[in-house]
Amino acid sequence: MTARVEFFFDYGSPWSYIANSRLPAIAARTEAVIVYRPMLLGGVFKATGNRSPAENPVESKQLYGAVDLRRWAARAKVPFQRNPHFPINTLQLMRLAVAAQKSLVFPTFHDALWPAFWADARNLGDPNEVRKVLEIAGLDNEGLNAGAQTPEVKEELKATTEEAVSRGAFGAPTFFVGDEMFFGNDRLEFVEEALGRIRGNPLLLDRRG
């Protein structure tokens, strides 16, 4: 039986960026398939009444969160820096992700967007900056943007976001192994254990991706 992990994410989530870098190794160890599910985190927040950690009123918690992000990025061995443009409205980015999936160029798109936002600190709320990132990656900026504006893509992103909420999601990253939900980069050890059970090979919780 092939194990599957659904990865609900938004490019505006730094924790999703870090989790994204760790997930392939976990999938390889458990012979699992990653199903990438672009969703609109702002829509999830609106539907659930949750809000971004960046908007937390406790200053000391915000400061600690920034330190924790750097620690996890170092553990995951991915470049990371605070993006001065964060937070941004990611609606167009997430529509582009869906359009990239439909155009069968999602892996290239996905690998270009993450570091542009969280390693290079580019302003991906600016369409011109997004165009530069896509063109450097060899992608068709005009074609993807045209696809992102189609009713089909808009509806799919909306439906995926609503599905995530209906299944219990309240933030990103959120993972599902079957009907079991896991929230947060720091819960990937439990994701790996759940995938291991499906493969009939339980994994130790202290393994690191």
C-alpha atoms as a PDB file:
ATOM      1  CA  MET A   1       0.000   0.000   0.000  1.00  0.00           C
ATOM      2  CA  THR A   2       1.414   3.377  -1.043  1.00  0.00           C
ATOM      3  CA  ALA A   3       1.499   5.880   1.793  1.00  0.00           C
ATOM      4  CA  ARG A   4       0.437   9.454   1.008  1.00  0.00           C
ATOM      5  CA  VAL A   5       0.915  12.694   2.872  1.00  0.00           C
ATOM      6  CA  GLU A   6      -1.135  15.729   1.892  1.00  0.00           C
ATOM      7  CA  PHE A   7       0.757  18.976   2.415  1.00  0.00           C
ATOM      8  CA  PHE A   8      -1.481  22.043   2.738  1.00  0.00           C
ATOM      9  CA  PHE A   9       0.680  25.148   2.479  1.00  0.00           C
ATOM     10  CA  ASP A  10       0.910  28.834   1.602  1.00  0.00           C
ATOM     11  CA  TYR A  11       4.074  30.502   0.337  1.00  0.00           C
ATOM     12  CA  GLY A  12       3.566  33.258   2.893  1.00  0.00           C
ATOM     13  CA  SER A  13       4.194  30.793   5.721  1.00  0.00           C
ATOM     14  CA  PRO A  14       7.862  30.566   6.784  1.00  0.00           C
ATOM     15  CA  TRP A  15       7.132  27.404   8.731  1.00  0.00           C
ATOM     16  CA  SER A  16       5.752  25.843   5.548  1.00  0.00           C
ATOM     17  CA  TYR A  17       9.007  26.784   3.806  1.00  0.00           C
ATOM     18  CA  ILE A  18      11.045  24.935   6.411  1.00  0.00           C
ATOM     19  CA  ALA A  19       8.692  21.951   6.457  1.00  0.00           C
ATOM     20  CA  ASN A  20       8.819  21.793   2.666  1.00  0.00           C
ATOM     21  CA  SER A  21      12.591  21.294   2.831  1.00  0.00           C
ATOM     22  CA  ARG A  22      12.272  18.405   5.301  1.00  0.00           C
ATOM     23  CA  LEU A  23       9.323  16.549   3.830  1.00  0.00           C
ATOM     24  CA  PRO A  24      11.023  14.890   0.807  1.00  0.00           C
ATOM     25  CA  ALA A  25      13.501  13.018   3.016  1.00  0.00           C
ATOM     26  CA  ILE A  26      10.640  11.743   5.153  1.00  0.00           C
ATOM     27  CA  ALA A  27       8.740  10.657   2.057  1.00  0.00           C
ATOM     28  CA  ALA A  28      11.821   8.848   0.765  1.00  0.00           C
ATOM     29  CA  ARG A  29      12.358   6.974   4.034  1.00  0.00           C
ATOM     30  CA  THR A  30       8.730   5.876   4.179  1.00  0.00           C
ATOM     31  CA  GLU A  31       8.305   5.358   0.412  1.00  0.00           C
ATOM     32  CA  ALA A  32       5.439   7.842   0.538  1.00  0.00           C
ATOM     33  CA  VAL A  33       3.968  10.182  -2.055  1.00  0.00           C
ATOM     34  CA  ILE A  34       3.699  13.899  -1.259  1.00  0.00           C
ATOM     35  CA  VAL A  35       0.481  15.511  -2.454  1.00  0.00           C
ATOM     36  CA  TYR A  36       0.981  19.269  -2.602  1.00  0.00           C
ATOM     37  CA  ARG A  37      -2.220  21.182  -1.752  1.00  0.00           C
ATOM     38  CA  PRO A  38      -1.892  24.956  -2.285  1.00  0.00           C
ATOM     39  CA  MET A  39      -4.369  26.820  -0.081  1.00  0.00           C
ATOM     40  CA  LEU A  40      -4.963  30.455   0.860  1.00  0.00           C
ATOM     41  CA  LEU A  41      -3.810  30.906   4.439  1.00  0.00           C
ATOM     42  CA  GLY A  42      -5.631  34.220   4.734  1.00  0.00           C
ATOM     43  CA  GLY A  43      -8.848  32.406   3.867  1.00  0.00           C
ATOM     44  CA  VAL A  44      -8.143  29.796   6.538  1.00  0.00           C
ATOM     45  CA  PHE A  45      -7.542  32.515   9.127  1.00  0.00           C
ATOM     46  CA  LYS A  46     -10.748  34.282   8.161  1.00  0.00           C
ATOM     47  CA  ALA A  47     -12.805  31.102   8.337  1.00  0.00           C
ATOM     48  CA  THR A  48     -11.395  29.956  11.681  1.00  0.00           C
ATOM     49  CA  GLY A  49     -10.795  33.254  13.485  1.00  0.00           C
ATOM     50  CA  ASN A  50      -7.098  32.457  13.726  1.00  0.00           C
ATOM     51  CA  ARG A  51      -4.349  34.944  12.840  1.00  0.00           C
ATOM     52  CA  SER A  52      -0.718  35.024  11.802  1.00  0.00           C
ATOM     53  CA  PRO A  53       1.920  34.556  14.528  1.00  0.00           C
ATOM     54  CA  ALA A  54       3.402  37.817  13.217  1.00  0.00           C
ATOM     55  CA  GLU A  55       0.302  39.566  14.540  1.00  0.00           C
ATOM     56  CA  ASN A  56       0.601  38.145  18.039  1.00  0.00           C
ATOM     57  CA  PRO A  57       0.274  41.019  20.542  1.00  0.00           C
ATOM     58  CA  VAL A  58       2.898  39.517  22.890  1.00  0.00           C
ATOM     59  CA  GLU A  59       6.172  41.091  21.772  1.00  0.00           C
ATOM     60  CA  SER A  60       8.370  38.577  23.590  1.00  0.00           C
ATOM     61  CA  LYS A  61       6.562  35.735  21.820  1.00  0.00           C
ATOM     62  CA  GLN A  62       7.144  37.396  18.445  1.00  0.00           C
ATOM     63  CA  LEU A  63      10.838  37.809  19.226  1.00  0.00           C
ATOM     64  CA  TYR A  64      11.151  34.208  20.338  1.00  0.00           C
ATOM     65  CA  GLY A  65       9.318  33.038  17.226  1.00  0.00           C
ATOM     66  CA  ALA A  66      11.907  34.766  15.044  1.00  0.00           C
ATOM     67  CA  VAL A  67      14.711  33.017  16.928  1.00  0.00           C
ATOM     68  CA  ASP A  68      12.935  29.673  16.656  1.00  0.00           C
ATOM     69  CA  LEU A  69      12.558  30.085  12.894  1.00  0.00           C
ATOM     70  CA  ARG A  70      16.302  30.627  12.532  1.00  0.00           C
ATOM     71  CA  ARG A  71      17.039  27.567  14.660  1.00  0.00           C
ATOM     72  CA  TRP A  72      14.754  25.346  12.609  1.00  0.00           C
ATOM     73  CA  ALA A  73      16.124  26.691   9.327  1.00  0.00           C
ATOM     74  CA  ALA A  74      19.633  25.855  10.531  1.00  0.00           C
ATOM     75  CA  ARG A  75      18.533  22.359  11.494  1.00  0.00           C
ATOM     76  CA  ALA A  76      16.869  21.875   8.108  1.00  0.00           C
ATOM     77  CA  LYS A  77      19.982  23.301   6.411  1.00  0.00           C
ATOM     78  CA  VAL A  78      18.026  25.813   4.345  1.00  0.00           C
ATOM     79  CA  PRO A  79      18.960  29.483   3.865  1.00  0.00           C
ATOM     80  CA  PHE A  80      16.588  31.800   5.671  1.00  0.00           C
ATOM     81  CA  GLN A  81      16.256  35.487   6.404  1.00  0.00           C
ATOM     82  CA  ARG A  82      13.454  37.672   7.646  1.00  0.00           C
ATOM     83  CA  ASN A  83      11.515  39.126   4.733  1.00  0.00           C
ATOM     84  CA  PRO A  84      10.855  42.849   5.352  1.00  0.00           C
ATOM     85  CA  HIS A  85       7.856  42.675   2.997  1.00  0.00           C
ATOM     86  CA  PHE A  86       6.139  40.006   5.111  1.00  0.00           C
ATOM     87  CA  PRO A  87       3.223  39.621   5.470  1.00  0.00           C
ATOM     88  CA  ILE A  88       1.833  39.998   1.956  1.00  0.00           C
ATOM     89  CA  ASN A  89      -1.424  39.061   0.270  1.00  0.00           C
ATOM     90  CA  THR A  90      -0.598  35.670  -1.261  1.00  0.00           C
ATOM     91  CA  LEU A  91      -3.807  35.220  -3.265  1.00  0.00           C
ATOM     92  CA  GLN A  92      -2.102  35.589  -6.645  1.00  0.00           C
ATOM     93  CA  LEU A  93       0.854  33.408  -5.647  1.00  0.00           C
ATOM     94  CA  MET A  94      -1.420  30.574  -4.590  1.00  0.00           C
ATOM     95  CA  ARG A  95      -3.497  30.883  -7.760  1.00  0.00           C
ATOM     96  CA  LEU A  96      -0.249  30.726  -9.701  1.00  0.00           C
ATOM     97  CA  ALA A  97       0.654  27.542  -7.825  1.00  0.00           C
ATOM     98  CA  VAL A  98      -2.608  25.916  -8.902  1.00  0.00           C
ATOM     99  CA  ALA A  99      -2.062  27.123 -12.469  1.00  0.00           C
ATOM    100  CA  ALA A 100       1.460  25.667 -12.369  1.00  0.00           C
ATOM    101  CA  GLN A 101       0.052  22.310 -11.282  1.00  0.00           C
ATOM    102  CA  LYS A 102      -2.397  22.335 -14.161  1.00  0.00           C
ATOM    103  CA  SER A 103       0.394  23.320 -16.583  1.00  0.00           C
ATOM    104  CA  LEU A 104       2.589  20.482 -15.265  1.00  0.00           C
ATOM    105  CA  VAL A 105       5.395  22.844 -14.236  1.00  0.00           C
ATOM    106  CA  PHE A 106       4.680  22.848 -10.513  1.00  0.00           C
ATOM    107  CA  PRO A 107       8.001  21.350  -9.307  1.00  0.00           C
ATOM    108  CA  THR A 108       9.986  24.103 -11.035  1.00  0.00           C
ATOM    109  CA  PHE A 109       7.554  26.792  -9.867  1.00  0.00           C
ATOM    110  CA  HIS A 110       7.552  25.484  -6.298  1.00  0.00           C
ATOM    111  CA  ASP A 111      11.345  25.292  -6.100  1.00  0.00           C
ATOM    112  CA  ALA A 112      11.662  28.863  -7.380  1.00  0.00           C
ATOM    113  CA  LEU A 113       9.073  30.531  -5.123  1.00  0.00           C
ATOM    114  CA  TRP A 114      10.204  29.316  -1.724  1.00  0.00           C
ATOM    115  CA  PRO A 115      13.802  30.610  -1.758  1.00  0.00           C
ATOM    116  CA  ALA A 116      12.788  33.820  -3.515  1.00  0.00           C
ATOM    117  CA  PHE A 117      10.555  34.660  -0.556  1.00  0.00           C
ATOM    118  CA  TRP A 118      12.395  33.218   2.437  1.00  0.00           C
ATOM    119  CA  ALA A 119      16.049  33.068   1.390  1.00  0.00           C
ATOM    120  CA  ASP A 120      16.331  36.088  -0.906  1.00  0.00           C
ATOM    121  CA  ALA A 121      13.643  38.176   0.854  1.00  0.00           C
ATOM    122  CA  ARG A 122      12.089  39.333  -2.412  1.00  0.00           C
ATOM    123  CA  ASN A 123       8.798  41.202  -2.447  1.00  0.00           C
ATOM    124  CA  LEU A 124       6.522  38.611  -4.009  1.00  0.00           C
ATOM    125  CA  GLY A 125       3.573  40.913  -3.470  1.00  0.00           C
ATOM    126  CA  ASP A 126       4.952  42.849  -6.454  1.00  0.00           C
ATOM    127  CA  PRO A 127       3.967  41.272  -9.806  1.00  0.00           C
ATOM    128  CA  ASN A 128       7.196  42.520 -11.379  1.00  0.00           C
ATOM    129  CA  GLU A 129       9.267  40.679  -8.788  1.00  0.00           C
ATOM    130  CA  VAL A 130       7.246  37.517  -9.331  1.00  0.00           C
ATOM    131  CA  ARG A 131       7.774  37.856 -13.096  1.00  0.00           C
ATOM    132  CA  LYS A 132      11.544  38.064 -12.594  1.00  0.00           C
ATOM    133  CA  VAL A 133      11.558  34.970 -10.376  1.00  0.00           C
ATOM    134  CA  LEU A 134       9.513  32.967 -12.870  1.00  0.00           C
ATOM    135  CA  GLU A 135      11.552  34.059 -15.869  1.00  0.00           C
ATOM    136  CA  ILE A 136      14.828  33.198 -14.128  1.00  0.00           C
ATOM    137  CA  ALA A 137      13.357  29.733 -13.504  1.00  0.00           C
ATOM    138  CA  GLY A 138      12.532  29.436 -17.213  1.00  0.00           C
ATOM    139  CA  LEU A 139       8.781  29.585 -16.685  1.00  0.00           C
ATOM    140  CA  ASP A 140       6.140  31.286 -18.811  1.00  0.00           C
ATOM    141  CA  ASN A 141       5.107  34.222 -16.639  1.00  0.00           C
ATOM    142  CA  GLU A 142       2.351  35.448 -18.965  1.00  0.00           C
ATOM    143  CA  GLY A 143       0.933  31.981 -19.475  1.00  0.00           C
ATOM    144  CA  LEU A 144       0.863  31.171 -15.768  1.00  0.00           C
ATOM    145  CA  ASN A 145      -0.719  34.508 -14.914  1.00  0.00           C
ATOM    146  CA  ALA A 146      -3.372  33.985 -17.557  1.00  0.00           C
ATOM    147  CA  GLY A 147      -4.059  30.542 -16.130  1.00  0.00           C
ATOM    148  CA  ALA A 148      -4.254  31.951 -12.609  1.00  0.00           C
ATOM    149  CA  GLN A 149      -7.141  34.196 -13.677  1.00  0.00           C
ATOM    150  CA  THR A 150      -9.320  31.403 -15.054  1.00  0.00           C
ATOM    151  CA  PRO A 151     -12.497  30.539 -13.140  1.00  0.00           C
ATOM    152  CA  GLU A 152     -11.320  26.928 -12.900  1.00  0.00           C
ATOM    153  CA  VAL A 153      -8.129  27.837 -11.041  1.00  0.00           C
ATOM    154  CA  LYS A 154      -9.837  30.385  -8.802  1.00  0.00           C
ATOM    155  CA  GLU A 155     -12.497  27.860  -7.839  1.00  0.00           C
ATOM    156  CA  GLU A 156      -9.973  25.112  -7.171  1.00  0.00           C
ATOM    157  CA  LEU A 157      -7.964  27.275  -4.771  1.00  0.00           C
ATOM    158  CA  LYS A 158     -11.147  28.312  -2.993  1.00  0.00           C
ATOM    159  CA  ALA A 159     -12.338  24.695  -2.781  1.00  0.00           C
ATOM    160  CA  THR A 160      -9.000  23.454  -1.441  1.00  0.00           C
ATOM    161  CA  THR A 161      -8.965  26.171   1.203  1.00  0.00           C
ATOM    162  CA  GLU A 162     -12.514  25.301   2.258  1.00  0.00           C
ATOM    163  CA  GLU A 163     -11.641  21.608   2.290  1.00  0.00           C
ATOM    164  CA  ALA A 164      -8.668  22.255   4.570  1.00  0.00           C
ATOM    165  CA  VAL A 165     -10.881  24.144   7.019  1.00  0.00           C
ATOM    166  CA  SER A 166     -13.596  21.488   6.900  1.00  0.00           C
ATOM    167  CA  ARG A 167     -11.006  18.846   7.794  1.00  0.00           C
ATOM    168  CA  GLY A 168      -9.803  20.824  10.808  1.00  0.00           C
ATOM    169  CA  ALA A 169      -6.981  23.012   9.485  1.00  0.00           C
ATOM    170  CA  PHE A 170      -6.445  26.387  11.150  1.00  0.00           C
ATOM    171  CA  GLY A 171      -2.997  27.327   9.857  1.00  0.00           C
ATOM    172  CA  ALA A 172       0.003  26.224   7.815  1.00  0.00           C
ATOM    173  CA  PRO A 173       1.705  23.928   7.332  1.00  0.00           C
ATOM    174  CA  THR A 174      -0.968  21.288   7.802  1.00  0.00           C
ATOM    175  CA  PHE A 175      -0.460  17.645   6.896  1.00  0.00           C
ATOM    176  CA  PHE A 176      -2.868  14.764   6.520  1.00  0.00           C
ATOM    177  CA  VAL A 177      -1.987  11.086   6.519  1.00  0.00           C
ATOM    178  CA  GLY A 178      -5.326   9.531   5.747  1.00  0.00           C
ATOM    179  CA  ASP A 179      -7.782  11.227   8.098  1.00  0.00           C
ATOM    180  CA  GLU A 180      -5.132  12.030  10.700  1.00  0.00           C
ATOM    181  CA  MET A 181      -4.139  15.712  10.825  1.00  0.00           C
ATOM    182  CA  PHE A 182      -0.808  17.164  11.931  1.00  0.00           C
ATOM    183  CA  PHE A 183      -0.099  20.888  12.276  1.00  0.00           C
ATOM    184  CA  GLY A 184       3.292  22.514  12.138  1.00  0.00           C
ATOM    185  CA  ASN A 185       6.839  21.879  11.018  1.00  0.00           C
ATOM    186  CA  ASP A 186       7.619  20.534  14.490  1.00  0.00           C
ATOM    187  CA  ARG A 187       5.088  17.719  14.053  1.00  0.00           C
ATOM    188  CA  LEU A 188       6.812  16.122  11.071  1.00  0.00           C
ATOM    189  CA  GLU A 189       8.189  13.357  13.301  1.00  0.00           C
ATOM    190  CA  PHE A 190       4.586  12.314  13.957  1.00  0.00           C
ATOM    191  CA  VAL A 191       3.866  12.501  10.221  1.00  0.00           C
ATOM    192  CA  GLU A 192       6.776  10.147   9.614  1.00  0.00           C
ATOM    193  CA  GLU A 193       5.537   7.759  12.280  1.00  0.00           C
ATOM    194  CA  ALA A 194       2.043   7.713  10.723  1.00  0.00           C
ATOM    195  CA  LEU A 195       3.490   7.027   7.279  1.00  0.00           C
ATOM    196  CA  GLY A 196       5.637   4.274   8.755  1.00  0.00           C
ATOM    197  CA  ARG A 197       2.573   2.578  10.231  1.00  0.00           C
ATOM    198  CA  ILE A 198       0.983   2.471   6.793  1.00  0.00           C
ATOM    199  CA  ARG A 199       4.136   0.821   5.449  1.00  0.00           C
ATOM    200  CA  GLY A 200       4.078  -1.619   8.354  1.00  0.00           C
ATOM    201  CA  ASN A 201       7.357  -0.195   9.633  1.00  0.00           C
ATOM    202  CA  PRO A 202       6.858   2.052  12.680  1.00  0.00           C
ATOM    203  CA  LEU A 203       9.519   4.745  12.919  1.00  0.00           C
ATOM    204  CA  LEU A 204      11.163   6.288  15.956  1.00  0.00           C
ATOM    205  CA  LEU A 205       9.844   9.667  17.003  1.00  0.00           C
ATOM    206  CA  ASP A 206      13.330  11.071  17.491  1.00  0.00           C
ATOM    207  CA  ARG A 207      14.344  10.748  13.850  1.00  0.00           C
ATOM    208  CA  ARG A 208      15.017  14.041  12.101  1.00  0.00           C
ATOM    209  CA  GLY A 209      14.380  14.961   8.460  1.00  0.00           C
END
